[in-house]
């Protein structure tokens, strides 16, 4: 859950400077008004499974029930992103390419 007071204070402190917030929360819909553009990074289920099972910085997703939950949530990501008007970004590509694309799409929309 995002702390609304902290998030709103952070956005206000940034003024007109571009701000990129990576991540999501169960209450993120409450803060949609803070963002001009929303992006959703998406990977296919095979890529997600591979990334969760092989990462070394976090154990979450390795247990069968956690993996199953994440794969199920992943099946709904594109539908939910479309519903809220977010731009879907193919995150199977190298992160530098993904980041460059997001920055370009942000500039193109101004």
PDB file of N, CA and C in Angstrom:
ATOM      1  N   UNK A   1       0.843  -1.179   0.000  1.00  0.00           N
ATOM      2  CA  UNK A   1       0.000   0.000   0.000  1.00  0.00           C
ATOM      3  C   UNK A   1       0.889   1.244   0.000  1.00  0.00           C
ATOM      4  N   UNK A   2       0.542   2.197  -0.849  1.00  0.00           N
ATOM      5  CA  UNK A   2       1.288   3.454  -0.869  1.00  0.00           C
ATOM      6  C   UNK A   2       0.768   4.366   0.229  1.00  0.00           C
ATOM      7  N   UNK A   3       1.658   5.085   0.870  1.00  0.00           N
ATOM      8  CA  UNK A   3       1.311   6.078   1.876  1.00  0.00           C
ATOM      9  C   UNK A   3       0.951   7.354   1.121  1.00  0.00           C
ATOM     10  N   UNK A   4      -0.324   7.689   1.111  1.00  0.00           N
ATOM     11  CA  UNK A   4      -0.813   8.828   0.327  1.00  0.00           C
ATOM     12  C   UNK A   4      -0.179  10.148   0.710  1.00  0.00           C
ATOM     13  N   UNK A   5      -0.003  10.397   1.996  1.00  0.00           N
ATOM     14  CA  UNK A   5       0.594  11.663   2.435  1.00  0.00           C
ATOM     15  C   UNK A   5       2.026  11.791   1.931  1.00  0.00           C
ATOM     16  N   UNK A   6       2.796  10.720   2.047  1.00  0.00           N
ATOM     17  CA  UNK A   6       4.186  10.753   1.594  1.00  0.00           C
ATOM     18  C   UNK A   6       4.268  10.901   0.073  1.00  0.00           C
ATOM     19  N   UNK A   7       3.435  10.163  -0.645  1.00  0.00           N
ATOM     20  CA  UNK A   7       3.473  10.224  -2.099  1.00  0.00           C
ATOM     21  C   UNK A   7       3.073  11.610  -2.596  1.00  0.00           C
ATOM     22  N   UNK A   8       2.007  12.162  -2.068  1.00  0.00           N
ATOM     23  CA  UNK A   8       1.574  13.497  -2.498  1.00  0.00           C
ATOM     24  C   UNK A   8       2.620  14.561  -2.138  1.00  0.00           C
ATOM     25  N   UNK A   9       3.242  14.445  -0.977  1.00  0.00           N
ATOM     26  CA  UNK A   9       4.288  15.397  -0.582  1.00  0.00           C
ATOM     27  C   UNK A   9       5.487  15.283  -1.520  1.00  0.00           C
ATOM     28  N   UNK A  10       5.842  14.083  -1.892  1.00  0.00           N
ATOM     29  CA  UNK A  10       6.959  13.870  -2.810  1.00  0.00           C
ATOM     30  C   UNK A  10       6.668  14.500  -4.165  1.00  0.00           C
ATOM     31  N   UNK A  11       5.497  14.244  -4.710  1.00  0.00           N
ATOM     32  CA  UNK A  11       5.122  14.804  -6.010  1.00  0.00           C
ATOM     33  C   UNK A  11       5.103  16.327  -5.942  1.00  0.00           C
ATOM     34  N   UNK A  12       4.574  16.881  -4.886  1.00  0.00           N
ATOM     35  CA  UNK A  12       4.531  18.337  -4.727  1.00  0.00           C
ATOM     36  C   UNK A  12       5.941  18.920  -4.646  1.00  0.00           C
ATOM     37  N   UNK A  13       6.827  18.250  -3.922  1.00  0.00           N
ATOM     38  CA  UNK A  13       8.197  18.738  -3.777  1.00  0.00           C
ATOM     39  C   UNK A  13       8.961  18.725  -5.099  1.00  0.00           C
ATOM     40  N   UNK A  14       8.560  17.862  -6.010  1.00  0.00           N
ATOM     41  CA  UNK A  14       9.240  17.766  -7.311  1.00  0.00           C
ATOM     42  C   UNK A  14       8.830  18.887  -8.266  1.00  0.00           C
ATOM     43  N   UNK A  15       7.728  19.550  -7.970  1.00  0.00           N
ATOM     44  CA  UNK A  15       7.279  20.645  -8.827  1.00  0.00           C
ATOM     45  C   UNK A  15       7.006  20.173 -10.238  1.00  0.00           C
ATOM     46  N   UNK A  16       7.550  20.905 -11.225  1.00  0.00           N
ATOM     47  CA  UNK A  16       7.313  20.567 -12.624  1.00  0.00           C
ATOM     48  C   UNK A  16       8.355  19.606 -13.191  1.00  0.00           C
ATOM     49  N   UNK A  17       9.304  19.190 -12.370  1.00  0.00           N
ATOM     50  CA  UNK A  17      10.344  18.272 -12.843  1.00  0.00           C
ATOM     51  C   UNK A  17       9.725  16.909 -13.159  1.00  0.00           C
ATOM     52  N   UNK A  18      10.210  16.249 -14.192  1.00  0.00           N
ATOM     53  CA  UNK A  18       9.700  14.904 -14.491  1.00  0.00           C
ATOM     54  C   UNK A  18      10.015  13.953 -13.341  1.00  0.00           C
ATOM     55  N   UNK A  19       9.055  13.126 -13.011  1.00  0.00           N
ATOM     56  CA  UNK A  19       9.221  12.149 -11.950  1.00  0.00           C
ATOM     57  C   UNK A  19       8.779  10.797 -12.482  1.00  0.00           C
ATOM     58  N   UNK A  20       9.601   9.793 -12.261  1.00  0.00           N
ATOM     59  CA  UNK A  20       9.263   8.440 -12.658  1.00  0.00           C
ATOM     60  C   UNK A  20       9.159   7.602 -11.396  1.00  0.00           C
ATOM     61  N   UNK A  21       8.029   6.970 -11.220  1.00  0.00           N
ATOM     62  CA  UNK A  21       7.798   6.120 -10.067  1.00  0.00           C
ATOM     63  C   UNK A  21       7.621   4.703 -10.584  1.00  0.00           C
ATOM     64  N   UNK A  22       8.449   3.818 -10.111  1.00  0.00           N
ATOM     65  CA  UNK A  22       8.380   2.429 -10.566  1.00  0.00           C
ATOM     66  C   UNK A  22       7.792   1.580  -9.459  1.00  0.00           C
ATOM     67  N   UNK A  23       6.777   0.835  -9.803  1.00  0.00           N
ATOM     68  CA  UNK A  23       6.176  -0.062  -8.831  1.00  0.00           C
ATOM     69  C   UNK A  23       4.677   0.086  -8.843  1.00  0.00           C
ATOM     70  N   UNK A  24       4.055  -0.658  -8.033  1.00  0.00           N
ATOM     71  CA  UNK A  24       2.612  -0.620  -7.946  1.00  0.00           C
ATOM     72  C   UNK A  24       2.177  -0.982  -6.542  1.00  0.00           C
ATOM     73  N   UNK A  25       0.930  -0.738  -6.268  1.00  0.00           N
ATOM     74  CA  UNK A  25       0.379  -1.044  -4.953  1.00  0.00           C
ATOM     75  C   UNK A  25      -1.101  -1.332  -5.101  1.00  0.00           C
ATOM     76  N   UNK A  26      -1.638  -1.997  -4.131  1.00  0.00           N
ATOM     77  CA  UNK A  26      -3.060  -2.334  -4.180  1.00  0.00           C
ATOM     78  C   UNK A  26      -3.934  -1.079  -4.202  1.00  0.00           C
ATOM     79  N   UNK A  27      -3.453   0.030  -3.682  1.00  0.00           N
ATOM     80  CA  UNK A  27      -4.237   1.267  -3.640  1.00  0.00           C
ATOM     81  C   UNK A  27      -3.780   2.291  -4.681  1.00  0.00           C
ATOM     82  N   UNK A  28      -3.060   1.859  -5.702  1.00  0.00           N
ATOM     83  CA  UNK A  28      -2.501   2.799  -6.672  1.00  0.00           C
ATOM     84  C   UNK A  28      -3.575   3.596  -7.413  1.00  0.00           C
ATOM     85  N   UNK A  29      -4.754   3.047  -7.578  1.00  0.00           N
ATOM     86  CA  UNK A  29      -5.828   3.761  -8.263  1.00  0.00           C
ATOM     87  C   UNK A  29      -6.222   5.060  -7.579  1.00  0.00           C
ATOM     88  N   UNK A  30      -5.995   5.148  -6.275  1.00  0.00           N
ATOM     89  CA  UNK A  30      -6.320   6.356  -5.515  1.00  0.00           C
ATOM     90  C   UNK A  30      -5.426   7.539  -5.907  1.00  0.00           C
ATOM     91  N   UNK A  31      -4.325   7.258  -6.604  1.00  0.00           N
ATOM     92  CA  UNK A  31      -3.339   8.295  -6.895  1.00  0.00           C
ATOM     93  C   UNK A  31      -3.175   8.555  -8.386  1.00  0.00           C
ATOM     94  N   UNK A  32      -4.097   8.066  -9.192  1.00  0.00           N
ATOM     95  CA  UNK A  32      -3.999   8.229 -10.648  1.00  0.00           C
ATOM     96  C   UNK A  32      -3.934   9.697 -11.049  1.00  0.00           C
ATOM     97  N   UNK A  33      -4.548  10.559 -10.268  1.00  0.00           N
ATOM     98  CA  UNK A  33      -4.562  11.990 -10.590  1.00  0.00           C
ATOM     99  C   UNK A  33      -3.177  12.631 -10.489  1.00  0.00           C
ATOM    100  N   UNK A  34      -2.231  11.956  -9.859  1.00  0.00           N
ATOM    101  CA  UNK A  34      -0.885  12.509  -9.695  1.00  0.00           C
ATOM    102  C   UNK A  34      -0.011  12.324 -10.933  1.00  0.00           C
ATOM    103  N   UNK A  35      -0.445  11.481 -11.844  1.00  0.00           N
ATOM    104  CA  UNK A  35       0.407  11.102 -12.964  1.00  0.00           C
ATOM    105  C   UNK A  35      -0.203  11.508 -14.297  1.00  0.00           C
ATOM    106  N   UNK A  36       0.628  12.102 -15.152  1.00  0.00           N
ATOM    107  CA  UNK A  36       0.166  12.467 -16.492  1.00  0.00           C
ATOM    108  C   UNK A  36       0.124  11.262 -17.409  1.00  0.00           C
ATOM    109  N   UNK A  37       1.035  10.342 -17.227  1.00  0.00           N
ATOM    110  CA  UNK A  37       1.145   9.178 -18.105  1.00  0.00           C
ATOM    111  C   UNK A  37       1.477   7.975 -17.236  1.00  0.00           C
ATOM    112  N   UNK A  38       0.861   6.847 -17.573  1.00  0.00           N
ATOM    113  CA  UNK A  38       1.109   5.618 -16.820  1.00  0.00           C
ATOM    114  C   UNK A  38       1.585   4.540 -17.783  1.00  0.00           C
ATOM    115  N   UNK A  39       2.592   3.822 -17.357  1.00  0.00           N
ATOM    116  CA  UNK A  39       3.153   2.731 -18.134  1.00  0.00           C
ATOM    117  C   UNK A  39       3.067   1.454 -17.316  1.00  0.00           C
ATOM    118  N   UNK A  40       2.803   0.362 -17.987  1.00  0.00           N
ATOM    119  CA  UNK A  40       2.803  -0.936 -17.322  1.00  0.00           C
ATOM    120  C   UNK A  40       3.806  -1.813 -18.045  1.00  0.00           C
ATOM    121  N   UNK A  41       4.811  -2.261 -17.293  1.00  0.00           N
ATOM    122  CA  UNK A  41       5.810  -3.159 -17.847  1.00  0.00           C
ATOM    123  C   UNK A  41       5.231  -4.571 -17.824  1.00  0.00           C
ATOM    124  N   UNK A  42       5.256  -5.225 -18.975  1.00  0.00           N
ATOM    125  CA  UNK A  42       4.652  -6.548 -19.059  1.00  0.00           C
ATOM    126  C   UNK A  42       5.613  -7.546 -19.687  1.00  0.00           C
ATOM    127  N   UNK A  43       5.594  -8.758 -19.149  1.00  0.00           N
ATOM    128  CA  UNK A  43       6.334  -9.875 -19.732  1.00  0.00           C
ATOM    129  C   UNK A  43       5.376 -11.051 -19.871  1.00  0.00           C
ATOM    130  N   UNK A  44       5.700 -11.955 -20.773  1.00  0.00           N
ATOM    131  CA  UNK A  44       4.895 -13.166 -20.917  1.00  0.00           C
ATOM    132  C   UNK A  44       5.129 -14.070 -19.707  1.00  0.00           C
ATOM    133  N   UNK A  45       4.279 -15.053 -19.542  1.00  0.00           N
ATOM    134  CA  UNK A  45       4.356 -15.923 -18.362  1.00  0.00           C
ATOM    135  C   UNK A  45       5.651 -16.726 -18.295  1.00  0.00           C
ATOM    136  N   UNK A  46       6.167 -17.175 -19.436  1.00  0.00           N
ATOM    137  CA  UNK A  46       7.431 -17.927 -19.411  1.00  0.00           C
ATOM    138  C   UNK A  46       8.579 -17.057 -18.907  1.00  0.00           C
ATOM    139  N   UNK A  47       8.613 -15.804 -19.371  1.00  0.00           N
ATOM    140  CA  UNK A  47       9.663 -14.880 -18.915  1.00  0.00           C
ATOM    141  C   UNK A  47       9.511 -14.592 -17.432  1.00  0.00           C
ATOM    142  N   UNK A  48       8.277 -14.377 -16.978  1.00  0.00           N
ATOM    143  CA  UNK A  48       8.061 -14.115 -15.556  1.00  0.00           C
ATOM    144  C   UNK A  48       8.511 -15.308 -14.718  1.00  0.00           C
ATOM    145  N   UNK A  49       8.111 -16.494 -15.127  1.00  0.00           N
ATOM    146  CA  UNK A  49       8.498 -17.700 -14.390  1.00  0.00           C
ATOM    147  C   UNK A  49      10.030 -17.790 -14.302  1.00  0.00           C
ATOM    148  N   UNK A  50      10.696 -17.613 -15.421  1.00  0.00           N
ATOM    149  CA  UNK A  50      12.157 -17.687 -15.446  1.00  0.00           C
ATOM    150  C   UNK A  50      12.777 -16.631 -14.529  1.00  0.00           C
ATOM    151  N   UNK A  51      12.297 -15.396 -14.615  1.00  0.00           N
ATOM    152  CA  UNK A  51      12.869 -14.314 -13.802  1.00  0.00           C
ATOM    153  C   UNK A  51      12.656 -14.554 -12.311  1.00  0.00           C
ATOM    154  N   UNK A  52      11.471 -14.999 -11.943  1.00  0.00           N
ATOM    155  CA  UNK A  52      11.210 -15.238 -10.519  1.00  0.00           C
ATOM    156  C   UNK A  52      12.048 -16.399  -9.986  1.00  0.00           C
ATOM    157  N   UNK A  53      12.161 -17.449 -10.766  1.00  0.00           N
ATOM    158  CA  UNK A  53      12.869 -18.637 -10.285  1.00  0.00           C
ATOM    159  C   UNK A  53      14.384 -18.489 -10.296  1.00  0.00           C
ATOM    160  N   UNK A  54      14.905 -17.560 -11.083  1.00  0.00           N
ATOM    161  CA  UNK A  54      16.362 -17.442 -11.176  1.00  0.00           C
ATOM    162  C   UNK A  54      16.932 -16.208 -10.494  1.00  0.00           C
ATOM    163  N   UNK A  55      16.088 -15.310 -10.017  1.00  0.00           N
ATOM    164  CA  UNK A  55      16.648 -14.112  -9.381  1.00  0.00           C
ATOM    165  C   UNK A  55      17.316 -14.487  -8.065  1.00  0.00           C
ATOM    166  N   UNK A  56      18.280 -13.672  -7.692  1.00  0.00           N
ATOM    167  CA  UNK A  56      19.064 -13.966  -6.494  1.00  0.00           C
ATOM    168  C   UNK A  56      18.905 -12.919  -5.395  1.00  0.00           C
ATOM    169  N   UNK A  57      18.192 -11.822  -5.671  1.00  0.00           N
ATOM    170  CA  UNK A  57      18.080 -10.751  -4.679  1.00  0.00           C
ATOM    171  C   UNK A  57      16.804 -10.825  -3.846  1.00  0.00           C
ATOM    172  N   UNK A  58      15.965 -11.838  -4.111  1.00  0.00           N
ATOM    173  CA  UNK A  58      14.683 -11.900  -3.435  1.00  0.00           C
ATOM    174  C   UNK A  58      14.148 -13.322  -3.566  1.00  0.00           C
ATOM    175  N   UNK A  59      13.677 -13.893  -2.487  1.00  0.00           N
ATOM    176  CA  UNK A  59      13.140 -15.268  -2.523  1.00  0.00           C
ATOM    177  C   UNK A  59      11.682 -15.315  -2.968  1.00  0.00           C
ATOM    178  N   UNK A  60      10.990 -14.163  -2.933  1.00  0.00           N
ATOM    179  CA  UNK A  60       9.558 -14.183  -3.247  1.00  0.00           C
ATOM    180  C   UNK A  60       9.321 -14.681  -4.671  1.00  0.00           C
ATOM    181  N   UNK A  61       8.367 -15.581  -4.804  1.00  0.00           N
ATOM    182  CA  UNK A  61       8.000 -16.116  -6.109  1.00  0.00           C
ATOM    183  C   UNK A  61       8.594 -17.480  -6.385  1.00  0.00           C
ATOM    184  N   UNK A  62       9.479 -17.926  -5.546  1.00  0.00           N
ATOM    185  CA  UNK A  62      10.101 -19.238  -5.756  1.00  0.00           C
ATOM    186  C   UNK A  62       9.231 -20.377  -5.216  1.00  0.00           C
ATOM    187  N   UNK A  63       8.490 -20.101  -4.167  1.00  0.00           N
ATOM    188  CA  UNK A  63       7.576 -21.114  -3.623  1.00  0.00           C
ATOM    189  C   UNK A  63       6.455 -21.353  -4.640  1.00  0.00           C
ATOM    190  N   UNK A  64       6.037 -22.593  -4.807  1.00  0.00           N
ATOM    191  CA  UNK A  64       5.031 -22.902  -5.834  1.00  0.00           C
ATOM    192  C   UNK A  64       3.760 -22.059  -5.743  1.00  0.00           C
ATOM    193  N   UNK A  65       3.264 -21.820  -4.520  1.00  0.00           N
ATOM    194  CA  UNK A  65       2.018 -21.046  -4.392  1.00  0.00           C
ATOM    195  C   UNK A  65       2.242 -19.572  -4.750  1.00  0.00           C
ATOM    196  N   UNK A  66       3.405 -19.026  -4.421  1.00  0.00           N
ATOM    197  CA  UNK A  66       3.716 -17.638  -4.783  1.00  0.00           C
ATOM    198  C   UNK A  66       3.888 -17.505  -6.296  1.00  0.00           C
ATOM    199  N   UNK A  67       4.576 -18.451  -6.889  1.00  0.00           N
ATOM    200  CA  UNK A  67       4.759 -18.435  -8.337  1.00  0.00           C
ATOM    201  C   UNK A  67       3.417 -18.518  -9.044  1.00  0.00           C
ATOM    202  N   UNK A  68       2.567 -19.423  -8.600  1.00  0.00           N
ATOM    203  CA  UNK A  68       1.237 -19.564  -9.207  1.00  0.00           C
ATOM    204  C   UNK A  68       0.436 -18.268  -9.090  1.00  0.00           C
ATOM    205  N   UNK A  69       0.507 -17.618  -7.932  1.00  0.00           N
ATOM    206  CA  UNK A  69      -0.224 -16.358  -7.726  1.00  0.00           C
ATOM    207  C   UNK A  69       0.278 -15.277  -8.689  1.00  0.00           C
ATOM    208  N   UNK A  70       1.591 -15.157  -8.829  1.00  0.00           N
ATOM    209  CA  UNK A  70       2.152 -14.135  -9.715  1.00  0.00           C
ATOM    210  C   UNK A  70       1.821 -14.408 -11.178  1.00  0.00           C
ATOM    211  N   UNK A  71       1.860 -15.667 -11.572  1.00  0.00           N
ATOM    212  CA  UNK A  71       1.508 -16.011 -12.955  1.00  0.00           C
ATOM    213  C   UNK A  71       0.030 -15.727 -13.233  1.00  0.00           C
ATOM    214  N   UNK A  72      -0.818 -15.972 -12.260  1.00  0.00           N
ATOM    215  CA  UNK A  72      -2.252 -15.671 -12.420  1.00  0.00           C
ATOM    216  C   UNK A  72      -2.476 -14.168 -12.539  1.00  0.00           C
ATOM    217  N   UNK A  73      -1.838 -13.399 -11.667  1.00  0.00           N
ATOM    218  CA  UNK A  73      -1.961 -11.938 -11.744  1.00  0.00           C
ATOM    219  C   UNK A  73      -1.450 -11.423 -13.093  1.00  0.00           C
ATOM    220  N   UNK A  74      -0.405 -12.024 -13.589  1.00  0.00           N
ATOM    221  CA  UNK A  74       0.193 -11.601 -14.858  1.00  0.00           C
ATOM    222  C   UNK A  74      -0.779 -11.762 -16.031  1.00  0.00           C
ATOM    223  N   UNK A  75      -1.692 -12.722 -15.939  1.00  0.00           N
ATOM    224  CA  UNK A  75      -2.647 -12.932 -17.032  1.00  0.00           C
ATOM    225  C   UNK A  75      -3.628 -11.772 -17.156  1.00  0.00           C
ATOM    226  N   UNK A  76      -3.769 -10.992 -16.100  1.00  0.00           N
ATOM    227  CA  UNK A  76      -4.732  -9.876 -16.111  1.00  0.00           C
ATOM    228  C   UNK A  76      -4.087  -8.505 -16.288  1.00  0.00           C
ATOM    229  N   UNK A  77      -2.772  -8.443 -16.351  1.00  0.00           N
ATOM    230  CA  UNK A  77      -2.057  -7.164 -16.386  1.00  0.00           C
ATOM    231  C   UNK A  77      -2.444  -6.325 -17.603  1.00  0.00           C
ATOM    232  N   UNK A  78      -2.433  -6.902 -18.777  1.00  0.00           N
ATOM    233  CA  UNK A  78      -2.714  -6.138 -19.993  1.00  0.00           C
ATOM    234  C   UNK A  78      -4.152  -5.630 -19.980  1.00  0.00           C
ATOM    235  N   UNK A  79      -5.067  -6.471 -19.579  1.00  0.00           N
ATOM    236  CA  UNK A  79      -6.473  -6.062 -19.515  1.00  0.00           C
ATOM    237  C   UNK A  79      -6.664  -4.892 -18.552  1.00  0.00           C
ATOM    238  N   UNK A  80      -6.073  -4.967 -17.382  1.00  0.00           N
ATOM    239  CA  UNK A  80      -6.207  -3.890 -16.393  1.00  0.00           C
ATOM    240  C   UNK A  80      -5.511  -2.619 -16.870  1.00  0.00           C
ATOM    241  N   UNK A  81      -4.339  -2.762 -17.470  1.00  0.00           N
ATOM    242  CA  UNK A  81      -3.615  -1.593 -17.983  1.00  0.00           C
ATOM    243  C   UNK A  81      -4.442  -0.882 -19.046  1.00  0.00           C
ATOM    244  N   UNK A  82      -5.037  -1.636 -19.926  1.00  0.00           N
ATOM    245  CA  UNK A  82      -5.879  -1.062 -20.975  1.00  0.00           C
ATOM    246  C   UNK A  82      -7.080  -0.349 -20.356  1.00  0.00           C
ATOM    247  N   UNK A  83      -7.669  -0.966 -19.350  1.00  0.00           N
ATOM    248  CA  UNK A  83      -8.848  -0.381 -18.697  1.00  0.00           C
ATOM    249  C   UNK A  83      -8.546   0.990 -18.094  1.00  0.00           C
ATOM    250  N   UNK A  84      -7.347   1.159 -17.527  1.00  0.00           N
ATOM    251  CA  UNK A  84      -7.017   2.428 -16.874  1.00  0.00           C
ATOM    252  C   UNK A  84      -6.283   3.397 -17.799  1.00  0.00           C
ATOM    253  N   UNK A  85      -6.115   3.018 -19.060  1.00  0.00           N
ATOM    254  CA  UNK A  85      -5.491   3.920 -20.027  1.00  0.00           C
ATOM    255  C   UNK A  85      -3.980   3.970 -19.968  1.00  0.00           C
ATOM    256  N   UNK A  86      -3.370   2.955 -19.400  1.00  0.00           N
ATOM    257  CA  UNK A  86      -1.905   2.913 -19.326  1.00  0.00           C
ATOM    258  C   UNK A  86      -1.322   2.417 -20.642  1.00  0.00           C
ATOM    259  N   UNK A  87      -0.097   2.796 -20.899  1.00  0.00           N
ATOM    260  CA  UNK A  87       0.632   2.309 -22.059  1.00  0.00           C
ATOM    261  C   UNK A  87       1.354   1.028 -21.668  1.00  0.00           C
ATOM    262  N   UNK A  88       1.159  -0.012 -22.443  1.00  0.00           N
ATOM    263  CA  UNK A  88       1.781  -1.300 -22.159  1.00  0.00           C
ATOM    264  C   UNK A  88       3.154  -1.331 -22.811  1.00  0.00           C
ATOM    265  N   UNK A  89       4.157  -1.687 -22.034  1.00  0.00           N
ATOM    266  CA  UNK A  89       5.538  -1.714 -22.497  1.00  0.00           C
ATOM    267  C   UNK A  89       6.064  -3.145 -22.402  1.00  0.00           C
ATOM    268  N   UNK A  90       6.643  -3.617 -23.495  1.00  0.00           N
ATOM    269  CA  UNK A  90       7.225  -4.958 -23.529  1.00  0.00           C
ATOM    270  C   UNK A  90       8.507  -4.963 -22.710  1.00  0.00           C
ATOM    271  N   UNK A  91       8.448  -5.588 -21.546  1.00  0.00           N
ATOM    272  CA  UNK A  91       9.591  -5.592 -20.631  1.00  0.00           C
ATOM    273  C   UNK A  91      10.443  -6.850 -20.775  1.00  0.00           C
ATOM    274  N   UNK A  92      10.278  -7.573 -21.878  1.00  0.00           N
ATOM    275  CA  UNK A  92      11.172  -8.713 -22.117  1.00  0.00           C
ATOM    276  C   UNK A  92      12.491  -8.244 -22.707  1.00  0.00           C
ATOM    277  N   UNK A  93      12.520  -7.004 -23.169  1.00  0.00           N
ATOM    278  CA  UNK A  93      13.725  -6.435 -23.778  1.00  0.00           C
ATOM    279  C   UNK A  93      14.686  -5.965 -22.682  1.00  0.00           C
ATOM    280  N   UNK A  94      15.930  -5.689 -23.037  1.00  0.00           N
ATOM    281  CA  UNK A  94      16.882  -5.182 -22.035  1.00  0.00           C
ATOM    282  C   UNK A  94      16.346  -3.910 -21.360  1.00  0.00           C
ATOM    283  N   UNK A  95      16.626  -3.772 -20.073  1.00  0.00           N
ATOM    284  CA  UNK A  95      16.075  -2.653 -19.302  1.00  0.00           C
ATOM    285  C   UNK A  95      16.475  -1.299 -19.874  1.00  0.00           C
ATOM    286  N   UNK A  96      17.664  -1.193 -20.449  1.00  0.00           N
ATOM    287  CA  UNK A  96      18.078   0.091 -21.031  1.00  0.00           C
ATOM    288  C   UNK A  96      17.178   0.461 -22.211  1.00  0.00           C
ATOM    289  N   UNK A  97      16.757  -0.516 -22.996  1.00  0.00           N
ATOM    290  CA  UNK A  97      15.859  -0.269 -24.130  1.00  0.00           C
ATOM    291  C   UNK A  97      14.474   0.125 -23.618  1.00  0.00           C
ATOM    292  N   UNK A  98      14.006  -0.577 -22.601  1.00  0.00           N
ATOM    293  CA  UNK A  98      12.700  -0.269 -22.001  1.00  0.00           C
ATOM    294  C   UNK A  98      12.702   1.155 -21.452  1.00  0.00           C
ATOM    295  N   UNK A  99      13.731   1.501 -20.710  1.00  0.00           N
ATOM    296  CA  UNK A  99      13.823   2.846 -20.123  1.00  0.00           C
ATOM    297  C   UNK A  99      13.884   3.912 -21.207  1.00  0.00           C
ATOM    298  N   UNK A 100      14.687   3.688 -22.233  1.00  0.00           N
ATOM    299  CA  UNK A 100      14.781   4.658 -23.335  1.00  0.00           C
ATOM    300  C   UNK A 100      13.427   4.846 -24.010  1.00  0.00           C
ATOM    301  N   UNK A 101      12.692   3.752 -24.211  1.00  0.00           N
ATOM    302  CA  UNK A 101      11.366   3.849 -24.834  1.00  0.00           C
ATOM    303  C   UNK A 101      10.398   4.659 -23.974  1.00  0.00           C
ATOM    304  N   UNK A 102      10.431   4.437 -22.673  1.00  0.00           N
ATOM    305  CA  UNK A 102       9.524   5.173 -21.779  1.00  0.00           C
ATOM    306  C   UNK A 102       9.864   6.659 -21.801  1.00  0.00           C
ATOM    307  N   UNK A 103      11.137   6.993 -21.733  1.00  0.00           N
ATOM    308  CA  UNK A 103      11.535   8.406 -21.794  1.00  0.00           C
ATOM    309  C   UNK A 103      11.095   9.011 -23.114  1.00  0.00           C
ATOM    310  N   UNK A 104      11.287   8.300 -24.209  1.00  0.00           N
ATOM    311  CA  UNK A 104      10.877   8.817 -25.523  1.00  0.00           C
ATOM    312  C   UNK A 104       9.366   9.023 -25.583  1.00  0.00           C
ATOM    313  N   UNK A 105       8.596   8.045 -25.093  1.00  0.00           N
ATOM    314  CA  UNK A 105       7.132   8.182 -25.104  1.00  0.00           C
ATOM    315  C   UNK A 105       6.688   9.337 -24.226  1.00  0.00           C
ATOM    316  N   UNK A 106       7.413   9.592 -23.156  1.00  0.00           N
ATOM    317  CA  UNK A 106       7.077  10.706 -22.271  1.00  0.00           C
ATOM    318  C   UNK A 106       7.336  12.034 -22.983  1.00  0.00           C
ATOM    319  N   UNK A 107       8.449  12.126 -23.663  1.00  0.00           N
ATOM    320  CA  UNK A 107       8.775  13.359 -24.401  1.00  0.00           C
ATOM    321  C   UNK A 107       7.808  13.585 -25.544  1.00  0.00           C
ATOM    322  N   UNK A 108       7.449  12.509 -26.246  1.00  0.00           N
ATOM    323  CA  UNK A 108       6.546  12.600 -27.390  1.00  0.00           C
ATOM    324  C   UNK A 108       5.151  13.084 -27.011  1.00  0.00           C
ATOM    325  N   UNK A 109       4.777  12.896 -25.744  1.00  0.00           N
ATOM    326  CA  UNK A 109       3.420  13.264 -25.325  1.00  0.00           C
ATOM    327  C   UNK A 109       3.335  14.702 -24.811  1.00  0.00           C
ATOM    328  N   UNK A 110       4.472  15.405 -24.771  1.00  0.00           N
ATOM    329  CA  UNK A 110       4.429  16.782 -24.249  1.00  0.00           C
ATOM    330  C   UNK A 110       4.317  17.779 -25.371  1.00  0.00           C
TER     331      UNK A 110
END
